Amino acid sequence: LRAFTEDFGLMARIAAIHALGDIWAMGARPQAALAQIILPPMSAALQAATLAEIMAEAAAILGPEGADMVGGHTSSGAEMTLGFTITGLAEGPVIGQSGARPGDALILTKPLGTGVILAAEMARAASGPDVAAALAAMARPQGTAARILAAAGAGAMTDVTGFGLAGHLVGLLQSSRVAARLDLAALPLLPGAEALAGAGRHSTLAPSNRAALAGALTIPAGARADLLFDPQTAGGLLAALPADRAAATLAALGAAGEAAAIIGRITEGPPHLTATA
């Protein structure tokens, strides 16, 4: 990830969470991590201090999940870039993306909008409180949420990152050979995201995310629908699980501090996403 904050410790936490998403989504436990770090030009003393901060903050995310930092590579470049390669072990059945069934509820564990807010912040068009809320959401680990969803019997799960909610959901539908209906009004959104989208702000990746799904979805016009294509950094988990367990699962997620929501359901039919206002 290219750094989007000058707080490199916070950036390390977000990058670690972003990298852990696939492990969590499969119902696995992270085991080992490799760091890839590009440092911007700085003195040798500042390099050492910055690396120490990055590694400590990353370990604060990885350690509680059971992962060890076992190595990596550091180089110098024009700007700060952070990434982690993580392996994991599944102690039980692996949760893939092919197990969604008609009637399942769809639960999303984090609000959408990091892409549009970061894009607006780069143009100095986002408010400070909205940027702070987005950073706080990105810095929230999803290990507890993943374990709650796995225990509830999630048949399919994915993390929502660069392809946006629509892209990741359509991928899940294609793997499971089912369709889905989303309630746009039920989508959890970060403060300021809908207003920024309505003002025409968007990430540079949003148009290609939309174009890639041509023919795969039916959605109304509007800012909320636009946010289906918003690329997420350290986004939430999207899970399909039996509808009769959805309410209790949502309550458990809420008790754990997760801003989760039931956003739709799986339906019969060829892979296609329909969203209603």
C-alpha atoms as a PDB file:
ATOM      1  CA  LEU A   1       0.000   0.000   0.000  1.00  0.00           C
ATOM      2  CA  ARG A   2       1.217   3.512  -0.788  1.00  0.00           C
ATOM      3  CA  ALA A   3       1.157   5.503   2.424  1.00  0.00           C
ATOM      4  CA  PHE A   4      -1.863   7.805   2.671  1.00  0.00           C
ATOM      5  CA  THR A   5      -0.977   9.122   6.119  1.00  0.00           C
ATOM      6  CA  GLU A   6       2.216  10.531   7.599  1.00  0.00           C
ATOM      7  CA  ASP A   7       1.607   8.403  10.693  1.00  0.00           C
ATOM      8  CA  PHE A   8       3.695   5.435   9.587  1.00  0.00           C
ATOM      9  CA  GLY A   9       2.805   3.407  12.676  1.00  0.00           C
ATOM     10  CA  LEU A  10      -0.894   3.724  11.854  1.00  0.00           C
ATOM     11  CA  MET A  11      -0.097   2.896   8.239  1.00  0.00           C
ATOM     12  CA  ALA A  12       1.642  -0.301   9.378  1.00  0.00           C
ATOM     13  CA  ARG A  13      -1.420  -1.367  11.365  1.00  0.00           C
ATOM     14  CA  ILE A  14      -3.715  -0.744   8.396  1.00  0.00           C
ATOM     15  CA  ALA A  15      -1.408  -2.572   5.986  1.00  0.00           C
ATOM     16  CA  ALA A  16      -1.269  -5.586   8.304  1.00  0.00           C
ATOM     17  CA  ILE A  17      -5.063  -5.675   8.616  1.00  0.00           C
ATOM     18  CA  HIS A  18      -5.414  -5.329   4.850  1.00  0.00           C
ATOM     19  CA  ALA A  19      -3.086  -8.304   4.324  1.00  0.00           C
ATOM     20  CA  LEU A  20      -4.867 -10.452   6.925  1.00  0.00           C
ATOM     21  CA  GLY A  21      -8.244 -10.160   5.202  1.00  0.00           C
ATOM     22  CA  ASP A  22      -7.925 -13.263   3.023  1.00  0.00           C
ATOM     23  CA  ILE A  23      -6.770 -15.374   5.971  1.00  0.00           C
ATOM     24  CA  TRP A  24      -9.692 -14.245   8.134  1.00  0.00           C
ATOM     25  CA  ALA A  25     -12.187 -14.692   5.295  1.00  0.00           C
ATOM     26  CA  MET A  26     -11.202 -18.355   4.921  1.00  0.00           C
ATOM     27  CA  GLY A  27     -11.770 -19.038   8.611  1.00  0.00           C
ATOM     28  CA  ALA A  28      -8.042 -19.611   9.125  1.00  0.00           C
ATOM     29  CA  ARG A  29      -5.479 -18.388  11.634  1.00  0.00           C
ATOM     30  CA  PRO A  30      -2.463 -16.369  10.461  1.00  0.00           C
ATOM     31  CA  GLN A  31       0.845 -18.085  11.071  1.00  0.00           C
ATOM     32  CA  ALA A  32       3.806 -16.199   9.583  1.00  0.00           C
ATOM     33  CA  ALA A  33       4.338 -12.795   7.976  1.00  0.00           C
ATOM     34  CA  LEU A  34       6.947 -11.249   5.700  1.00  0.00           C
ATOM     35  CA  ALA A  35       7.246  -7.465   5.471  1.00  0.00           C
ATOM     36  CA  GLN A  36       7.936  -5.509   2.278  1.00  0.00           C
ATOM     37  CA  ILE A  37       8.857  -1.914   3.088  1.00  0.00           C
ATOM     38  CA  ILE A  38       9.970   0.963   0.886  1.00  0.00           C
ATOM     39  CA  LEU A  39      11.238   3.899   2.925  1.00  0.00           C
ATOM     40  CA  PRO A  40      11.296   7.447   1.553  1.00  0.00           C
ATOM     41  CA  PRO A  41      14.567   9.405   1.696  1.00  0.00           C
ATOM     42  CA  MET A  42      15.579   9.968   5.328  1.00  0.00           C
ATOM     43  CA  SER A  43      18.630   9.868   7.555  1.00  0.00           C
ATOM     44  CA  ALA A  44      20.030   6.584   8.829  1.00  0.00           C
ATOM     45  CA  ALA A  45      18.873   7.376  12.358  1.00  0.00           C
ATOM     46  CA  LEU A  46      15.358   8.202  11.178  1.00  0.00           C
ATOM     47  CA  GLN A  47      15.300   5.044   9.058  1.00  0.00           C
ATOM     48  CA  ALA A  48      16.084   2.929  12.115  1.00  0.00           C
ATOM     49  CA  ALA A  49      13.451   4.672  14.230  1.00  0.00           C
ATOM     50  CA  THR A  50      10.822   4.441  11.498  1.00  0.00           C
ATOM     51  CA  LEU A  51      11.468   0.749  10.902  1.00  0.00           C
ATOM     52  CA  ALA A  52      11.252   0.047  14.619  1.00  0.00           C
ATOM     53  CA  GLU A  53       7.905   1.842  14.808  1.00  0.00           C
ATOM     54  CA  ILE A  54       6.527   0.033  11.748  1.00  0.00           C
ATOM     55  CA  MET A  55       7.541  -3.396  13.017  1.00  0.00           C
ATOM     56  CA  ALA A  56       6.187  -2.742  16.508  1.00  0.00           C
ATOM     57  CA  GLU A  57       2.807  -1.545  15.227  1.00  0.00           C
ATOM     58  CA  ALA A  58       2.519  -4.421  12.770  1.00  0.00           C
ATOM     59  CA  ALA A  59       3.363  -6.883  15.539  1.00  0.00           C
ATOM     60  CA  ALA A  60       0.604  -5.352  17.672  1.00  0.00           C
ATOM     61  CA  ILE A  61      -1.876  -6.523  15.005  1.00  0.00           C
ATOM     62  CA  LEU A  62      -0.242  -9.811  14.025  1.00  0.00           C
ATOM     63  CA  GLY A  63       0.752 -11.049  17.478  1.00  0.00           C
ATOM     64  CA  PRO A  64      -2.711 -11.300  19.056  1.00  0.00           C
ATOM     65  CA  GLU A  65      -3.846 -13.267  16.006  1.00  0.00           C
ATOM     66  CA  GLY A  66      -1.017 -15.756  16.468  1.00  0.00           C
ATOM     67  CA  ALA A  67       1.282 -14.686  13.632  1.00  0.00           C
ATOM     68  CA  ASP A  68       5.030 -14.108  13.851  1.00  0.00           C
ATOM     69  CA  MET A  69       7.048 -11.721  11.700  1.00  0.00           C
ATOM     70  CA  VAL A  70       9.672 -14.031  10.211  1.00  0.00           C
ATOM     71  CA  GLY A  71      11.456 -11.781   7.726  1.00  0.00           C
ATOM     72  CA  GLY A  72      11.019  -9.469   4.783  1.00  0.00           C
ATOM     73  CA  HIS A  73      12.780  -6.887   2.664  1.00  0.00           C
ATOM     74  CA  THR A  74      13.438  -3.166   3.030  1.00  0.00           C
ATOM     75  CA  SER A  75      14.529  -0.740   0.325  1.00  0.00           C
ATOM     76  CA  SER A  76      14.516   2.993  -0.393  1.00  0.00           C
ATOM     77  CA  GLY A  77      12.290   4.801  -2.853  1.00  0.00           C
ATOM     78  CA  ALA A  78      10.386   7.981  -3.567  1.00  0.00           C
ATOM     79  CA  GLU A  79       7.600   7.345  -1.056  1.00  0.00           C
ATOM     80  CA  MET A  80       6.587   5.116   1.823  1.00  0.00           C
ATOM     81  CA  THR A  81       5.066   1.820   0.699  1.00  0.00           C
ATOM     82  CA  LEU A  82       4.117  -1.021   3.047  1.00  0.00           C
ATOM     83  CA  GLY A  83       2.954  -4.558   2.477  1.00  0.00           C
ATOM     84  CA  PHE A  84       2.840  -7.931   4.214  1.00  0.00           C
ATOM     85  CA  THR A  85       2.732 -11.469   2.854  1.00  0.00           C
ATOM     86  CA  ILE A  86       0.970 -13.747   5.322  1.00  0.00           C
ATOM     87  CA  THR A  87       0.437 -17.498   5.520  1.00  0.00           C
ATOM     88  CA  GLY A  88      -2.257 -19.125   7.603  1.00  0.00           C
ATOM     89  CA  LEU A  89      -3.508 -22.472   8.830  1.00  0.00           C
ATOM     90  CA  ALA A  90      -7.121 -23.669   8.901  1.00  0.00           C
ATOM     91  CA  GLU A  91      -7.915 -25.618  12.036  1.00  0.00           C
ATOM     92  CA  GLY A  92     -11.292 -26.666  10.633  1.00  0.00           C
ATOM     93  CA  PRO A  93     -13.045 -26.624   7.265  1.00  0.00           C
ATOM     94  CA  VAL A  94     -11.852 -23.814   4.996  1.00  0.00           C
ATOM     95  CA  ILE A  95     -14.514 -21.234   4.178  1.00  0.00           C
ATOM     96  CA  GLY A  96     -14.358 -20.494   0.482  1.00  0.00           C
ATOM     97  CA  GLN A  97     -16.592 -18.508  -1.827  1.00  0.00           C
ATOM     98  CA  SER A  98     -18.568 -21.401  -3.317  1.00  0.00           C
ATOM     99  CA  GLY A  99     -20.845 -22.234  -0.392  1.00  0.00           C
ATOM    100  CA  ALA A 100     -23.517 -19.515  -0.576  1.00  0.00           C
ATOM    101  CA  ARG A 101     -27.047 -20.909  -0.871  1.00  0.00           C
ATOM    102  CA  PRO A 102     -30.397 -19.337  -1.858  1.00  0.00           C
ATOM    103  CA  GLY A 103     -32.017 -17.857   1.223  1.00  0.00           C
ATOM    104  CA  ASP A 104     -28.737 -17.020   2.950  1.00  0.00           C
ATOM    105  CA  ALA A 105     -28.401 -13.591   4.520  1.00  0.00           C
ATOM    106  CA  LEU A 106     -25.516 -11.337   3.538  1.00  0.00           C
ATOM    107  CA  ILE A 107     -23.666  -9.635   6.385  1.00  0.00           C
ATOM    108  CA  LEU A 108     -21.047  -6.894   5.954  1.00  0.00           C
ATOM    109  CA  THR A 109     -18.838  -6.113   8.956  1.00  0.00           C
ATOM    110  CA  LYS A 110     -17.443  -2.637   8.120  1.00  0.00           C
ATOM    111  CA  PRO A 111     -18.878   0.523   6.586  1.00  0.00           C
ATOM    112  CA  LEU A 112     -17.989   1.422   3.000  1.00  0.00           C
ATOM    113  CA  GLY A 113     -16.314   4.567   1.750  1.00  0.00           C
ATOM    114  CA  THR A 114     -12.566   4.478   2.364  1.00  0.00           C
ATOM    115  CA  GLY A 115     -11.785   4.896  -1.331  1.00  0.00           C
ATOM    116  CA  VAL A 116     -13.870   8.000  -1.925  1.00  0.00           C
ATOM    117  CA  ILE A 117     -12.771   9.592   1.352  1.00  0.00           C
ATOM    118  CA  LEU A 118      -9.067   9.036   0.676  1.00  0.00           C
ATOM    119  CA  ALA A 119      -9.488  10.331  -2.881  1.00  0.00           C
ATOM    120  CA  ALA A 120     -11.242  13.427  -1.578  1.00  0.00           C
ATOM    121  CA  GLU A 121      -8.600  13.919   1.117  1.00  0.00           C
ATOM    122  CA  MET A 122      -5.888  13.935  -1.553  1.00  0.00           C
ATOM    123  CA  ALA A 123      -7.806  16.783  -3.225  1.00  0.00           C
ATOM    124  CA  ARG A 124      -8.266  18.539   0.149  1.00  0.00           C
ATOM    125  CA  ALA A 125     -12.022  18.071  -0.204  1.00  0.00           C
ATOM    126  CA  ALA A 126     -12.701  15.774   2.778  1.00  0.00           C
ATOM    127  CA  SER A 127     -13.308  17.002   6.306  1.00  0.00           C
ATOM    128  CA  GLY A 128     -10.891  16.124   9.098  1.00  0.00           C
ATOM    129  CA  PRO A 129     -13.482  14.213  11.161  1.00  0.00           C
ATOM    130  CA  ASP A 130     -14.489  12.148   8.116  1.00  0.00           C
ATOM    131  CA  VAL A 131     -10.864  11.239   7.356  1.00  0.00           C
ATOM    132  CA  ALA A 132     -10.276  10.360  11.019  1.00  0.00           C
ATOM    133  CA  ALA A 133     -13.348   8.093  11.011  1.00  0.00           C
ATOM    134  CA  ALA A 134     -12.126   6.348   7.865  1.00  0.00           C
ATOM    135  CA  LEU A 135      -8.663   5.764   9.346  1.00  0.00           C
ATOM    136  CA  ALA A 136     -10.209   4.393  12.541  1.00  0.00           C
ATOM    137  CA  ALA A 137     -12.353   1.967  10.545  1.00  0.00           C
ATOM    138  CA  MET A 138      -9.389   0.777   8.507  1.00  0.00           C
ATOM    139  CA  ALA A 139      -7.349   0.233  11.678  1.00  0.00           C
ATOM    140  CA  ARG A 140      -9.957  -2.094  13.213  1.00  0.00           C
ATOM    141  CA  PRO A 141      -8.893  -5.775  13.003  1.00  0.00           C
ATOM    142  CA  GLN A 142     -11.443  -8.336  11.826  1.00  0.00           C
ATOM    143  CA  GLY A 143     -10.241 -11.499  13.549  1.00  0.00           C
ATOM    144  CA  THR A 144     -13.043 -11.497  16.124  1.00  0.00           C
ATOM    145  CA  ALA A 145     -15.657 -10.813  13.444  1.00  0.00           C
ATOM    146  CA  ALA A 146     -14.294 -13.653  11.310  1.00  0.00           C
ATOM    147  CA  ARG A 147     -14.519 -16.117  14.180  1.00  0.00           C
ATOM    148  CA  ILE A 148     -18.092 -15.063  14.980  1.00  0.00           C
ATOM    149  CA  LEU A 149     -19.133 -15.522  11.355  1.00  0.00           C
ATOM    150  CA  ALA A 150     -17.383 -18.894  11.085  1.00  0.00           C
ATOM    151  CA  ALA A 151     -19.038 -20.116  14.279  1.00  0.00           C
ATOM    152  CA  ALA A 152     -22.417 -19.034  12.886  1.00  0.00           C
ATOM    153  CA  GLY A 153     -21.946 -21.340   9.914  1.00  0.00           C
ATOM    154  CA  ALA A 154     -20.974 -18.946   7.149  1.00  0.00           C
ATOM    155  CA  GLY A 155     -20.993 -20.960   3.943  1.00  0.00           C
ATOM    156  CA  ALA A 156     -19.073 -18.365   1.941  1.00  0.00           C
ATOM    157  CA  MET A 157     -16.993 -15.376   2.935  1.00  0.00           C
ATOM    158  CA  THR A 158     -14.676 -12.822   1.361  1.00  0.00           C
ATOM    159  CA  ASP A 159     -12.930  -9.647   2.402  1.00  0.00           C
ATOM    160  CA  VAL A 160     -13.990  -6.446   0.644  1.00  0.00           C
ATOM    161  CA  THR A 161     -10.961  -4.623  -0.749  1.00  0.00           C
ATOM    162  CA  GLY A 162      -9.858  -3.240  -4.108  1.00  0.00           C
ATOM    163  CA  PHE A 163     -12.701  -4.503  -6.314  1.00  0.00           C
ATOM    164  CA  GLY A 164     -15.311  -2.881  -4.077  1.00  0.00           C
ATOM    165  CA  LEU A 165     -18.368  -4.531  -2.538  1.00  0.00           C
ATOM    166  CA  ALA A 166     -19.987  -5.242  -5.910  1.00  0.00           C
ATOM    167  CA  GLY A 167     -16.861  -6.799  -7.398  1.00  0.00           C
ATOM    168  CA  HIS A 168     -16.186  -9.089  -4.466  1.00  0.00           C
ATOM    169  CA  LEU A 169     -19.843 -10.073  -4.130  1.00  0.00           C
ATOM    170  CA  VAL A 170     -20.168 -10.908  -7.825  1.00  0.00           C
ATOM    171  CA  GLY A 171     -17.057 -13.080  -7.517  1.00  0.00           C
ATOM    172  CA  LEU A 172     -18.719 -14.938  -4.655  1.00  0.00           C
ATOM    173  CA  LEU A 173     -21.932 -15.329  -6.673  1.00  0.00           C
ATOM    174  CA  GLN A 174     -20.022 -16.737  -9.621  1.00  0.00           C
ATOM    175  CA  SER A 175     -18.230 -19.259  -7.415  1.00  0.00           C
ATOM    176  CA  SER A 176     -21.493 -20.312  -5.750  1.00  0.00           C
ATOM    177  CA  ARG A 177     -23.608 -20.156  -8.940  1.00  0.00           C
ATOM    178  CA  VAL A 178     -26.307 -18.069  -7.320  1.00  0.00           C
ATOM    179  CA  ALA A 179     -27.686 -14.530  -7.490  1.00  0.00           C
ATOM    180  CA  ALA A 180     -28.187 -11.864  -4.834  1.00  0.00           C
ATOM    181  CA  ARG A 181     -30.347  -8.871  -3.943  1.00  0.00           C
ATOM    182  CA  LEU A 182     -28.921  -5.934  -1.988  1.00  0.00           C
ATOM    183  CA  ASP A 183     -30.803  -3.273  -0.060  1.00  0.00           C
ATOM    184  CA  LEU A 184     -28.886  -0.047  -0.678  1.00  0.00           C
ATOM    185  CA  ALA A 185     -30.577   1.605   2.298  1.00  0.00           C
ATOM    186  CA  ALA A 186     -29.091  -1.059   4.576  1.00  0.00           C
ATOM    187  CA  LEU A 187     -25.477  -0.462   3.506  1.00  0.00           C
ATOM    188  CA  PRO A 188     -23.306   0.839   6.363  1.00  0.00           C
ATOM    189  CA  LEU A 189     -21.382   3.900   5.144  1.00  0.00           C
ATOM    190  CA  LEU A 190     -18.571   5.954   6.618  1.00  0.00           C
ATOM    191  CA  PRO A 191     -19.433   9.536   7.577  1.00  0.00           C
ATOM    192  CA  GLY A 192     -19.160  11.790   4.549  1.00  0.00           C
ATOM    193  CA  ALA A 193     -18.880   8.984   1.981  1.00  0.00           C
ATOM    194  CA  GLU A 194     -22.323   9.372   0.443  1.00  0.00           C
ATOM    195  CA  ALA A 195     -22.068  13.160   0.252  1.00  0.00           C
ATOM    196  CA  LEU A 196     -18.662  12.971  -1.419  1.00  0.00           C
ATOM    197  CA  ALA A 197     -19.892  10.395  -3.931  1.00  0.00           C
ATOM    198  CA  GLY A 198     -22.916  12.571  -4.624  1.00  0.00           C
ATOM    199  CA  ALA A 199     -20.566  15.483  -5.325  1.00  0.00           C
ATOM    200  CA  GLY A 200     -18.805  13.439  -7.992  1.00  0.00           C
ATOM    201  CA  ARG A 201     -15.777  12.361  -5.962  1.00  0.00           C
ATOM    202  CA  HIS A 202     -14.458   8.857  -6.517  1.00  0.00           C
ATOM    203  CA  SER A 203     -11.319   6.761  -6.402  1.00  0.00           C
ATOM    204  CA  THR A 204      -9.422   6.344  -9.652  1.00  0.00           C
ATOM    205  CA  LEU A 205     -10.199   2.605  -9.436  1.00  0.00           C
ATOM    206  CA  ALA A 206     -13.982   3.023  -9.218  1.00  0.00           C
ATOM    207  CA  PRO A 207     -14.654   3.397 -12.971  1.00  0.00           C
ATOM    208  CA  SER A 208     -12.720   0.222 -13.839  1.00  0.00           C
ATOM    209  CA  ASN A 209     -14.462  -1.644 -11.000  1.00  0.00           C
ATOM    210  CA  ARG A 210     -17.803  -0.646 -12.519  1.00  0.00           C
ATOM    211  CA  ALA A 211     -16.746  -1.463 -16.079  1.00  0.00           C
ATOM    212  CA  ALA A 212     -15.573  -4.945 -15.074  1.00  0.00           C
ATOM    213  CA  LEU A 213     -19.111  -5.832 -13.951  1.00  0.00           C
ATOM    214  CA  ALA A 214     -20.963  -4.829 -17.107  1.00  0.00           C
ATOM    215  CA  GLY A 215     -23.918  -7.177 -17.531  1.00  0.00           C
ATOM    216  CA  ALA A 216     -23.490  -8.713 -14.077  1.00  0.00           C
ATOM    217  CA  LEU A 217     -25.666  -6.319 -12.108  1.00  0.00           C
ATOM    218  CA  THR A 218     -28.852  -4.281 -12.081  1.00  0.00           C
ATOM    219  CA  ILE A 219     -28.669  -1.175  -9.909  1.00  0.00           C
ATOM    220  CA  PRO A 220     -30.334   2.242  -9.724  1.00  0.00           C
ATOM    221  CA  ALA A 221     -28.466   5.491 -10.218  1.00  0.00           C
ATOM    222  CA  GLY A 222     -27.257   7.450  -7.218  1.00  0.00           C
ATOM    223  CA  ALA A 223     -24.450   8.008  -4.749  1.00  0.00           C
ATOM    224  CA  ARG A 224     -25.198   4.923  -2.647  1.00  0.00           C
ATOM    225  CA  ALA A 225     -25.088   2.720  -5.715  1.00  0.00           C
ATOM    226  CA  ASP A 226     -21.830   4.373  -6.786  1.00  0.00           C
ATOM    227  CA  LEU A 227     -20.255   3.282  -3.502  1.00  0.00           C
ATOM    228  CA  LEU A 228     -20.731  -0.359  -4.503  1.00  0.00           C
ATOM    229  CA  PHE A 229     -17.676   0.161  -6.733  1.00  0.00           C
ATOM    230  CA  ASP A 230     -15.609   2.059  -4.158  1.00  0.00           C
ATOM    231  CA  PRO A 231     -12.307   0.219  -3.538  1.00  0.00           C
ATOM    232  CA  GLN A 232     -11.750  -0.467   0.132  1.00  0.00           C
ATOM    233  CA  THR A 233      -8.507  -0.541   2.080  1.00  0.00           C
ATOM    234  CA  ALA A 234      -8.580  -2.917   5.064  1.00  0.00           C
ATOM    235  CA  GLY A 235     -12.275  -3.378   4.368  1.00  0.00           C
ATOM    236  CA  GLY A 236     -14.780  -5.543   6.142  1.00  0.00           C
ATOM    237  CA  LEU A 237     -15.820  -9.153   5.701  1.00  0.00           C
ATOM    238  CA  LEU A 238     -18.796 -10.142   3.567  1.00  0.00           C
ATOM    239  CA  ALA A 239     -20.402 -13.416   4.595  1.00  0.00           C
ATOM    240  CA  ALA A 240     -23.343 -15.525   3.449  1.00  0.00           C
ATOM    241  CA  LEU A 241     -24.925 -17.539   6.247  1.00  0.00           C
ATOM    242  CA  PRO A 242     -28.279 -19.165   7.012  1.00  0.00           C
ATOM    243  CA  ALA A 243     -30.979 -16.519   7.425  1.00  0.00           C
ATOM    244  CA  ASP A 244     -32.268 -18.019  10.679  1.00  0.00           C
ATOM    245  CA  ARG A 245     -28.874 -17.318  12.285  1.00  0.00           C
ATOM    246  CA  ALA A 246     -28.452 -13.809  10.923  1.00  0.00           C
ATOM    247  CA  ALA A 247     -30.107 -11.821  13.719  1.00  0.00           C
ATOM    248  CA  ALA A 248     -28.206 -13.608  16.494  1.00  0.00           C
ATOM    249  CA  THR A 249     -24.955 -13.286  14.544  1.00  0.00           C
ATOM    250  CA  LEU A 250     -25.524  -9.569  14.030  1.00  0.00           C
ATOM    251  CA  ALA A 251     -26.160  -9.174  17.759  1.00  0.00           C
ATOM    252  CA  ALA A 252     -22.924 -11.017  18.555  1.00  0.00           C
ATOM    253  CA  LEU A 253     -20.997  -8.817  16.149  1.00  0.00           C
ATOM    254  CA  GLY A 254     -22.513  -5.703  17.691  1.00  0.00           C
ATOM    255  CA  ALA A 255     -21.575  -6.884  21.176  1.00  0.00           C
ATOM    256  CA  ALA A 256     -18.005  -7.270  19.925  1.00  0.00           C
ATOM    257  CA  GLY A 257     -18.012  -3.666  18.729  1.00  0.00           C
ATOM    258  CA  GLU A 258     -18.421  -4.354  15.012  1.00  0.00           C
ATOM    259  CA  ALA A 259     -20.488  -1.951  12.890  1.00  0.00           C
ATOM    260  CA  ALA A 260     -22.016  -4.843  10.942  1.00  0.00           C
ATOM    261  CA  ALA A 261     -25.257  -4.939   8.980  1.00  0.00           C
ATOM    262  CA  ILE A 262     -27.467  -7.367   7.091  1.00  0.00           C
ATOM    263  CA  ILE A 263     -27.358  -5.907   3.586  1.00  0.00           C
ATOM    264  CA  GLY A 264     -29.217  -8.420   1.439  1.00  0.00           C
ATOM    265  CA  ARG A 265     -29.801 -12.042   0.623  1.00  0.00           C
ATOM    266  CA  ILE A 266     -28.759 -14.801  -1.743  1.00  0.00           C
ATOM    267  CA  THR A 267     -31.354 -15.791  -4.348  1.00  0.00           C
ATOM    268  CA  GLU A 268     -31.747 -18.479  -6.970  1.00  0.00           C
ATOM    269  CA  GLY A 269     -30.629 -17.831 -10.508  1.00  0.00           C
ATOM    270  CA  PRO A 270     -27.505 -17.304 -12.587  1.00  0.00           C
ATOM    271  CA  PRO A 271     -24.825 -15.070 -11.021  1.00  0.00           C
ATOM    272  CA  HIS A 272     -26.282 -11.573 -11.031  1.00  0.00           C
ATOM    273  CA  LEU A 273     -26.434  -8.780  -8.468  1.00  0.00           C
ATOM    274  CA  THR A 274     -29.602  -6.709  -8.120  1.00  0.00           C
ATOM    275  CA  ALA A 275     -29.638  -3.691  -5.815  1.00  0.00           C
ATOM    276  CA  THR A 276     -32.727  -1.737  -4.807  1.00  0.00           C
ATOM    277  CA  ALA A 277     -32.986   1.696  -3.204  1.00  0.00           C
END
